[in-house]
Amino acid sequence: MGTGLFDSPTAPLRHEPSLAGVGDDYRPLSGTAIAAAALAVVSPVIFLGWPFAAVPVVATLLAAVGVRDTRRRPEAVSGGGIAWAALAVATLVLITGFATLAISYAAELPDGYTRLNYTMLQPLPGDPPTAVPDAARSISGQDVLLKGYMYPGSRQRGISDFLLVRDQGDCCFGGNPKITDRVLVRLTDRAGIEFTPRLIKIAGRFRVESAGAPDLGGGVLYHLDDAFVR
């Protein structure tokens, strides 16, 4: 058949490669699994103390959710292996961390000593701020273990007498701790210790007696005599 002046010859049809199926196997990584893995990596911070136990706990929970999601929706998300690995690491760290902290907690108390905390030293509701509760009076004269922070003074070394206060906010940011939040410590070893901003454990003979300590931040109601760092 002839072609006209403006007719173009018919070009043979070319078969373009089909894009169907390209990328059909792609599945995004589970965000929960990734978050669980990140927390599992840092979960050993539990060995620094009880407040950090939340890290492996959350890592374990997130990993369990990640495992569940990747098993229920394998066609939609990937990362099951990551979730399983995070679950194994977080669980192992959680178990060993709790065991280590529990053993340390039990071992820190000397034989014959009683645990004391600042809650036991606070006046009852409605009582004056300087009132000594019965809980404190009942253990006066007993050997106790108390945790707290050193109140900073002018000396950094050779400190044998110092105030042990309830929290770091009072002792490190210029606050003046209330009288029931301070305990005057007198170490048996008069060579003393160095100042530290970290939480310390002090064992000694607890005594209730109102006294002035102008060089150590004011008056006190509570004392730890014959004390030593645990």
C-alpha atoms as a PDB file:
ATOM      1  CA  MET A   1       0.000   0.000   0.000  1.00  0.00           C
ATOM      2  CA  GLY A   2       1.398   3.404  -0.937  1.00  0.00           C
ATOM      3  CA  THR A   3       1.996   6.218   1.411  1.00  0.00           C
ATOM      4  CA  GLY A   4       0.814   9.763   1.047  1.00  0.00           C
ATOM      5  CA  LEU A   5       2.929  12.856   1.250  1.00  0.00           C
ATOM      6  CA  PHE A   6       2.319  13.308   4.945  1.00  0.00           C
ATOM      7  CA  ASP A   7       2.215   9.672   5.888  1.00  0.00           C
ATOM      8  CA  SER A   8       5.050   8.282   7.990  1.00  0.00           C
ATOM      9  CA  PRO A   9       6.244   4.786   7.611  1.00  0.00           C
ATOM     10  CA  THR A  10       4.952   2.517  10.291  1.00  0.00           C
ATOM     11  CA  ALA A  11       7.713   1.873  12.790  1.00  0.00           C
ATOM     12  CA  PRO A  12       7.998  -1.565  14.245  1.00  0.00           C
ATOM     13  CA  LEU A  13       6.681  -1.799  17.795  1.00  0.00           C
ATOM     14  CA  ARG A  14       9.354  -2.082  20.457  1.00  0.00           C
ATOM     15  CA  HIS A  15       8.582  -3.984  23.627  1.00  0.00           C
ATOM     16  CA  GLU A  16       9.733  -1.965  26.648  1.00  0.00           C
ATOM     17  CA  PRO A  17      10.777  -3.985  29.643  1.00  0.00           C
ATOM     18  CA  SER A  18       7.944  -4.218  32.139  1.00  0.00           C
ATOM     19  CA  LEU A  19       8.366  -2.452  35.527  1.00  0.00           C
ATOM     20  CA  ALA A  20       5.826  -4.692  37.098  1.00  0.00           C
ATOM     21  CA  GLY A  21       7.273  -6.481  40.080  1.00  0.00           C
ATOM     22  CA  VAL A  22      10.252  -4.159  40.484  1.00  0.00           C
ATOM     23  CA  GLY A  23      10.613  -3.421  44.215  1.00  0.00           C
ATOM     24  CA  ASP A  24       7.766  -5.743  45.163  1.00  0.00           C
ATOM     25  CA  ASP A  25      10.088  -7.581  47.569  1.00  0.00           C
ATOM     26  CA  TYR A  26      11.073  -4.439  49.472  1.00  0.00           C
ATOM     27  CA  ARG A  27       9.879  -4.294  53.068  1.00  0.00           C
ATOM     28  CA  PRO A  28      10.835  -1.481  55.435  1.00  0.00           C
ATOM     29  CA  LEU A  29      12.642  -2.290  58.657  1.00  0.00           C
ATOM     30  CA  SER A  30      10.465  -2.285  61.747  1.00  0.00           C
ATOM     31  CA  GLY A  31      10.970   0.984  63.611  1.00  0.00           C
ATOM     32  CA  THR A  32      10.235  -0.794  66.874  1.00  0.00           C
ATOM     33  CA  ALA A  33      12.971  -3.337  66.193  1.00  0.00           C
ATOM     34  CA  ILE A  34      15.470  -0.579  65.427  1.00  0.00           C
ATOM     35  CA  ALA A  35      14.582   1.305  68.628  1.00  0.00           C
ATOM     36  CA  ALA A  36      14.856  -1.901  70.648  1.00  0.00           C
ATOM     37  CA  ALA A  37      18.289  -2.617  69.193  1.00  0.00           C
ATOM     38  CA  ALA A  38      19.516   0.886  70.012  1.00  0.00           C
ATOM     39  CA  LEU A  39      18.367   0.583  73.630  1.00  0.00           C
ATOM     40  CA  ALA A  40      19.766  -2.931  73.911  1.00  0.00           C
ATOM     41  CA  VAL A  41      23.203  -1.579  72.979  1.00  0.00           C
ATOM     42  CA  VAL A  42      23.153   0.921  75.855  1.00  0.00           C
ATOM     43  CA  SER A  43      21.298  -1.313  78.326  1.00  0.00           C
ATOM     44  CA  PRO A  44      24.498  -2.191  80.280  1.00  0.00           C
ATOM     45  CA  VAL A  45      24.099   1.188  82.005  1.00  0.00           C
ATOM     46  CA  ILE A  46      21.983  -0.777  84.481  1.00  0.00           C
ATOM     47  CA  PHE A  47      25.244  -1.727  86.204  1.00  0.00           C
ATOM     48  CA  LEU A  48      25.622   1.925  87.237  1.00  0.00           C
ATOM     49  CA  GLY A  49      22.655   1.663  89.599  1.00  0.00           C
ATOM     50  CA  TRP A  50      18.957   0.977  90.039  1.00  0.00           C
ATOM     51  CA  PRO A  51      17.738   4.194  88.324  1.00  0.00           C
ATOM     52  CA  PHE A  52      19.199   2.920  85.035  1.00  0.00           C
ATOM     53  CA  ALA A  53      17.270  -0.360  85.154  1.00  0.00           C
ATOM     54  CA  ALA A  54      14.540   1.269  83.060  1.00  0.00           C
ATOM     55  CA  VAL A  55      16.770   1.110  79.953  1.00  0.00           C
ATOM     56  CA  PRO A  56      16.951  -2.699  79.572  1.00  0.00           C
ATOM     57  CA  VAL A  57      13.337  -3.015  80.723  1.00  0.00           C
ATOM     58  CA  VAL A  58      12.124  -0.743  77.920  1.00  0.00           C
ATOM     59  CA  ALA A  59      14.505  -2.427  75.462  1.00  0.00           C
ATOM     60  CA  THR A  60      13.046  -5.831  76.335  1.00  0.00           C
ATOM     61  CA  LEU A  61       9.473  -4.619  75.910  1.00  0.00           C
ATOM     62  CA  LEU A  62      10.194  -2.929  72.583  1.00  0.00           C
ATOM     63  CA  ALA A  63      12.045  -5.989  71.309  1.00  0.00           C
ATOM     64  CA  ALA A  64       9.098  -8.219  72.222  1.00  0.00           C
ATOM     65  CA  VAL A  65       6.751  -5.904  70.324  1.00  0.00           C
ATOM     66  CA  GLY A  66       9.139  -5.905  67.359  1.00  0.00           C
ATOM     67  CA  VAL A  67       9.249  -9.703  67.296  1.00  0.00           C
ATOM     68  CA  ARG A  68       5.461  -9.881  67.409  1.00  0.00           C
ATOM     69  CA  ASP A  69       4.999  -7.326  64.631  1.00  0.00           C
ATOM     70  CA  THR A  70       7.502  -8.908  62.267  1.00  0.00           C
ATOM     71  CA  ARG A  71       5.929 -12.330  62.796  1.00  0.00           C
ATOM     72  CA  ARG A  72       2.382 -11.099  62.282  1.00  0.00           C
ATOM     73  CA  ARG A  73       3.165  -8.964  59.227  1.00  0.00           C
ATOM     74  CA  PRO A  74       6.103 -10.589  57.451  1.00  0.00           C
ATOM     75  CA  GLU A  75       4.880  -9.280  54.111  1.00  0.00           C
ATOM     76  CA  ALA A  76       4.821  -5.665  55.353  1.00  0.00           C
ATOM     77  CA  VAL A  77       7.891  -5.211  57.595  1.00  0.00           C
ATOM     78  CA  SER A  78      11.288  -6.818  58.041  1.00  0.00           C
ATOM     79  CA  GLY A  79      13.750  -6.791  60.899  1.00  0.00           C
ATOM     80  CA  GLY A  80      12.684  -9.904  62.764  1.00  0.00           C
ATOM     81  CA  GLY A  81      16.303 -10.913  63.229  1.00  0.00           C
ATOM     82  CA  ILE A  82      17.156  -7.524  64.684  1.00  0.00           C
ATOM     83  CA  ALA A  83      14.215  -7.736  67.079  1.00  0.00           C
ATOM     84  CA  TRP A  84      15.202 -11.233  68.230  1.00  0.00           C
ATOM     85  CA  ALA A  85      18.815 -10.175  68.776  1.00  0.00           C
ATOM     86  CA  ALA A  86      17.724  -7.096  70.731  1.00  0.00           C
ATOM     87  CA  LEU A  87      15.410  -9.247  72.839  1.00  0.00           C
ATOM     88  CA  ALA A  88      18.199 -11.698  73.660  1.00  0.00           C
ATOM     89  CA  VAL A  89      20.716  -8.977  74.574  1.00  0.00           C
ATOM     90  CA  ALA A  90      18.277  -6.851  76.603  1.00  0.00           C
ATOM     91  CA  THR A  91      16.944  -9.857  78.511  1.00  0.00           C
ATOM     92  CA  LEU A  92      20.426 -11.121  79.344  1.00  0.00           C
ATOM     93  CA  VAL A  93      21.574  -7.692  80.518  1.00  0.00           C
ATOM     94  CA  LEU A  94      18.370  -7.200  82.521  1.00  0.00           C
ATOM     95  CA  ILE A  95      18.745 -10.493  84.369  1.00  0.00           C
ATOM     96  CA  THR A  96      22.454 -10.121  85.092  1.00  0.00           C
ATOM     97  CA  GLY A  97      22.045  -6.456  85.972  1.00  0.00           C
ATOM     98  CA  PHE A  98      19.280  -7.088  88.479  1.00  0.00           C
ATOM     99  CA  ALA A  99      21.244  -9.951  90.009  1.00  0.00           C
ATOM    100  CA  THR A 100      24.400  -7.836  90.310  1.00  0.00           C
ATOM    101  CA  LEU A 101      22.574  -4.897  91.879  1.00  0.00           C
ATOM    102  CA  ALA A 102      20.710  -7.153  94.305  1.00  0.00           C
ATOM    103  CA  ILE A 103      23.923  -8.829  95.436  1.00  0.00           C
ATOM    104  CA  SER A 104      25.633  -5.456  95.813  1.00  0.00           C
ATOM    105  CA  TYR A 105      22.684  -4.090  97.784  1.00  0.00           C
ATOM    106  CA  ALA A 106      22.788  -7.029 100.197  1.00  0.00           C
ATOM    107  CA  ALA A 107      26.564  -6.915 100.601  1.00  0.00           C
ATOM    108  CA  GLU A 108      26.823  -3.182 101.315  1.00  0.00           C
ATOM    109  CA  LEU A 109      25.176  -3.495 104.747  1.00  0.00           C
ATOM    110  CA  PRO A 110      27.714  -4.416 107.462  1.00  0.00           C
ATOM    111  CA  ASP A 111      26.751  -7.122 109.929  1.00  0.00           C
ATOM    112  CA  GLY A 112      24.700  -5.740 112.782  1.00  0.00           C
ATOM    113  CA  TYR A 113      23.853  -2.487 110.969  1.00  0.00           C
ATOM    114  CA  THR A 114      20.415  -1.146 110.070  1.00  0.00           C
ATOM    115  CA  ARG A 115      19.495   0.712 106.893  1.00  0.00           C
ATOM    116  CA  LEU A 116      18.553   4.350 107.465  1.00  0.00           C
ATOM    117  CA  ASN A 117      17.025   6.704 104.924  1.00  0.00           C
ATOM    118  CA  TYR A 118      16.161  10.375 105.043  1.00  0.00           C
ATOM    119  CA  THR A 119      12.427   9.693 104.980  1.00  0.00           C
ATOM    120  CA  MET A 120      12.746   8.324 108.509  1.00  0.00           C
ATOM    121  CA  LEU A 121      14.272  11.631 109.661  1.00  0.00           C
ATOM    122  CA  GLN A 122      11.476  13.929 108.524  1.00  0.00           C
ATOM    123  CA  PRO A 123       8.931  15.514 110.937  1.00  0.00           C
ATOM    124  CA  LEU A 124       5.373  14.289 110.753  1.00  0.00           C
ATOM    125  CA  PRO A 125       2.772  16.407 108.918  1.00  0.00           C
ATOM    126  CA  GLY A 126       1.766  19.332 111.094  1.00  0.00           C
ATOM    127  CA  ASP A 127       4.886  19.168 113.275  1.00  0.00           C
ATOM    128  CA  PRO A 128       7.490  21.971 113.372  1.00  0.00           C
ATOM    129  CA  PRO A 129      10.308  21.705 110.793  1.00  0.00           C
ATOM    130  CA  THR A 130      12.801  20.876 113.536  1.00  0.00           C
ATOM    131  CA  ALA A 131      10.695  18.158 115.164  1.00  0.00           C
ATOM    132  CA  VAL A 132      12.403  14.780 115.459  1.00  0.00           C
ATOM    133  CA  PRO A 133      10.027  11.907 114.633  1.00  0.00           C
ATOM    134  CA  ASP A 134       9.751   8.805 116.767  1.00  0.00           C
ATOM    135  CA  ALA A 135      11.236   6.754 113.923  1.00  0.00           C
ATOM    136  CA  ALA A 136      14.501   8.662 114.277  1.00  0.00           C
ATOM    137  CA  ARG A 137      14.552   8.609 118.070  1.00  0.00           C
ATOM    138  CA  SER A 138      13.931   4.867 118.139  1.00  0.00           C
ATOM    139  CA  ILE A 139      17.198   4.131 116.323  1.00  0.00           C
ATOM    140  CA  SER A 140      19.346   6.673 118.136  1.00  0.00           C
ATOM    141  CA  GLY A 141      22.405   4.855 119.448  1.00  0.00           C
ATOM    142  CA  GLN A 142      22.228   2.133 116.801  1.00  0.00           C
ATOM    143  CA  ASP A 143      24.701   1.355 114.028  1.00  0.00           C
ATOM    144  CA  VAL A 144      23.230   2.359 110.688  1.00  0.00           C
ATOM    145  CA  LEU A 145      24.056   2.705 106.994  1.00  0.00           C
ATOM    146  CA  LEU A 146      22.994   5.925 105.262  1.00  0.00           C
ATOM    147  CA  LYS A 147      23.427   7.015 101.642  1.00  0.00           C
ATOM    148  CA  GLY A 148      23.743  10.653 100.656  1.00  0.00           C
ATOM    149  CA  TYR A 149      25.916  13.404  99.194  1.00  0.00           C
ATOM    150  CA  MET A 150      28.731  15.357 100.760  1.00  0.00           C
ATOM    151  CA  TYR A 151      27.866  19.005 101.308  1.00  0.00           C
ATOM    152  CA  PRO A 152      30.707  20.983  99.687  1.00  0.00           C
ATOM    153  CA  GLY A 153      32.915  23.025 101.950  1.00  0.00           C
ATOM    154  CA  SER A 154      36.225  24.836 101.680  1.00  0.00           C
ATOM    155  CA  ARG A 155      38.315  21.657 101.845  1.00  0.00           C
ATOM    156  CA  GLN A 156      38.718  19.101  99.079  1.00  0.00           C
ATOM    157  CA  ARG A 157      41.020  16.606 100.825  1.00  0.00           C
ATOM    158  CA  GLY A 158      41.525  15.260 104.303  1.00  0.00           C
ATOM    159  CA  ILE A 159      37.841  15.744 105.198  1.00  0.00           C
ATOM    160  CA  SER A 160      36.974  13.910 108.408  1.00  0.00           C
ATOM    161  CA  ASP A 161      33.864  15.887 109.448  1.00  0.00           C
ATOM    162  CA  PHE A 162      31.215  16.790 106.910  1.00  0.00           C
ATOM    163  CA  LEU A 163      27.507  17.074 106.295  1.00  0.00           C
ATOM    164  CA  LEU A 164      25.819  14.222 104.479  1.00  0.00           C
ATOM    165  CA  VAL A 165      22.725  15.610 102.739  1.00  0.00           C
ATOM    166  CA  ARG A 166      19.732  14.089 101.047  1.00  0.00           C
ATOM    167  CA  ASP A 167      20.082  15.063  97.412  1.00  0.00           C
ATOM    168  CA  GLN A 168      22.524  16.500  94.946  1.00  0.00           C
ATOM    169  CA  GLY A 169      20.370  19.535  94.207  1.00  0.00           C
ATOM    170  CA  ASP A 170      20.896  20.852  97.717  1.00  0.00           C
ATOM    171  CA  CYS A 171      24.600  20.155  97.922  1.00  0.00           C
ATOM    172  CA  CYS A 172      25.747  21.098  94.435  1.00  0.00           C
ATOM    173  CA  PHE A 173      23.600  24.003  93.288  1.00  0.00           C
ATOM    174  CA  GLY A 174      23.903  26.434  96.144  1.00  0.00           C
ATOM    175  CA  GLY A 175      20.829  25.301  98.034  1.00  0.00           C
ATOM    176  CA  ASN A 176      20.638  25.192 101.807  1.00  0.00           C
ATOM    177  CA  PRO A 177      19.318  21.769 102.835  1.00  0.00           C
ATOM    178  CA  LYS A 178      16.734  21.767 105.565  1.00  0.00           C
ATOM    179  CA  ILE A 179      17.902  20.656 108.969  1.00  0.00           C
ATOM    180  CA  THR A 180      16.227  17.240 108.751  1.00  0.00           C
ATOM    181  CA  ASP A 181      18.011  16.578 105.437  1.00  0.00           C
ATOM    182  CA  ARG A 182      21.509  16.856 106.901  1.00  0.00           C
ATOM    183  CA  VAL A 183      23.524  14.509 109.064  1.00  0.00           C
ATOM    184  CA  LEU A 184      26.842  15.486 110.617  1.00  0.00           C
ATOM    185  CA  VAL A 185      29.371  12.725 109.919  1.00  0.00           C
ATOM    186  CA  ARG A 186      32.491  12.235 112.024  1.00  0.00           C
ATOM    187  CA  LEU A 187      34.844   9.674 110.511  1.00  0.00           C
ATOM    188  CA  THR A 188      36.818   7.299 112.679  1.00  0.00           C
ATOM    189  CA  ASP A 189      39.810   7.721 110.375  1.00  0.00           C
ATOM    190  CA  ARG A 190      40.837  11.307 111.062  1.00  0.00           C
ATOM    191  CA  ALA A 191      43.006  11.334 107.939  1.00  0.00           C
ATOM    192  CA  GLY A 192      39.717  11.881 106.177  1.00  0.00           C
ATOM    193  CA  ILE A 193      38.601  11.439 102.596  1.00  0.00           C
ATOM    194  CA  GLU A 194      38.466  13.490  99.406  1.00  0.00           C
ATOM    195  CA  PHE A 195      35.343  15.404  98.456  1.00  0.00           C
ATOM    196  CA  THR A 196      33.166  13.691  95.868  1.00  0.00           C
ATOM    197  CA  PRO A 197      29.928  14.846  94.225  1.00  0.00           C
ATOM    198  CA  ARG A 198      28.812  11.245  93.834  1.00  0.00           C
ATOM    199  CA  LEU A 199      26.455   9.308  96.079  1.00  0.00           C
ATOM    200  CA  ILE A 200      28.335   7.719  98.968  1.00  0.00           C
ATOM    201  CA  LYS A 201      27.474   5.180 101.649  1.00  0.00           C
ATOM    202  CA  ILE A 202      28.374   5.973 105.236  1.00  0.00           C
ATOM    203  CA  ALA A 203      28.131   3.543 108.144  1.00  0.00           C
ATOM    204  CA  GLY A 204      28.288   4.744 111.749  1.00  0.00           C
ATOM    205  CA  ARG A 205      26.608   5.148 115.115  1.00  0.00           C
ATOM    206  CA  PHE A 206      23.452   7.237 114.710  1.00  0.00           C
ATOM    207  CA  ARG A 207      22.721   9.886 117.327  1.00  0.00           C
ATOM    208  CA  VAL A 208      19.998  12.508 117.771  1.00  0.00           C
ATOM    209  CA  GLU A 209      21.243  15.753 119.321  1.00  0.00           C
ATOM    210  CA  SER A 210      20.634  19.366 118.435  1.00  0.00           C
ATOM    211  CA  ALA A 211      23.954  21.098 117.840  1.00  0.00           C
ATOM    212  CA  GLY A 212      25.478  23.960 115.907  1.00  0.00           C
ATOM    213  CA  ALA A 213      27.883  23.402 113.055  1.00  0.00           C
ATOM    214  CA  PRO A 214      28.471  26.860 111.590  1.00  0.00           C
ATOM    215  CA  ASP A 215      31.523  25.761 109.598  1.00  0.00           C
ATOM    216  CA  LEU A 216      29.574  22.925 108.021  1.00  0.00           C
ATOM    217  CA  GLY A 217      26.421  24.634 106.830  1.00  0.00           C
ATOM    218  CA  GLY A 218      24.503  25.417 110.007  1.00  0.00           C
ATOM    219  CA  GLY A 219      22.847  23.499 112.824  1.00  0.00           C
ATOM    220  CA  VAL A 220      22.164  19.778 112.872  1.00  0.00           C
ATOM    221  CA  LEU A 221      19.854  17.364 114.633  1.00  0.00           C
ATOM    222  CA  TYR A 222      21.395  14.114 113.477  1.00  0.00           C
ATOM    223  CA  HIS A 223      24.912  12.679 113.756  1.00  0.00           C
ATOM    224  CA  LEU A 224      26.875   9.667 112.545  1.00  0.00           C
ATOM    225  CA  ASP A 225      29.768   9.010 114.898  1.00  0.00           C
ATOM    226  CA  ASP A 226      32.656   6.515 114.492  1.00  0.00           C
ATOM    227  CA  ALA A 227      31.754   6.506 110.816  1.00  0.00           C
ATOM    228  CA  PHE A 228      33.435   4.999 107.795  1.00  0.00           C
ATOM    229  CA  VAL A 229      32.810   4.922 104.072  1.00  0.00           C
ATOM    230  CA  ARG A 230      31.260   1.674 102.971  1.00  0.00           C
END
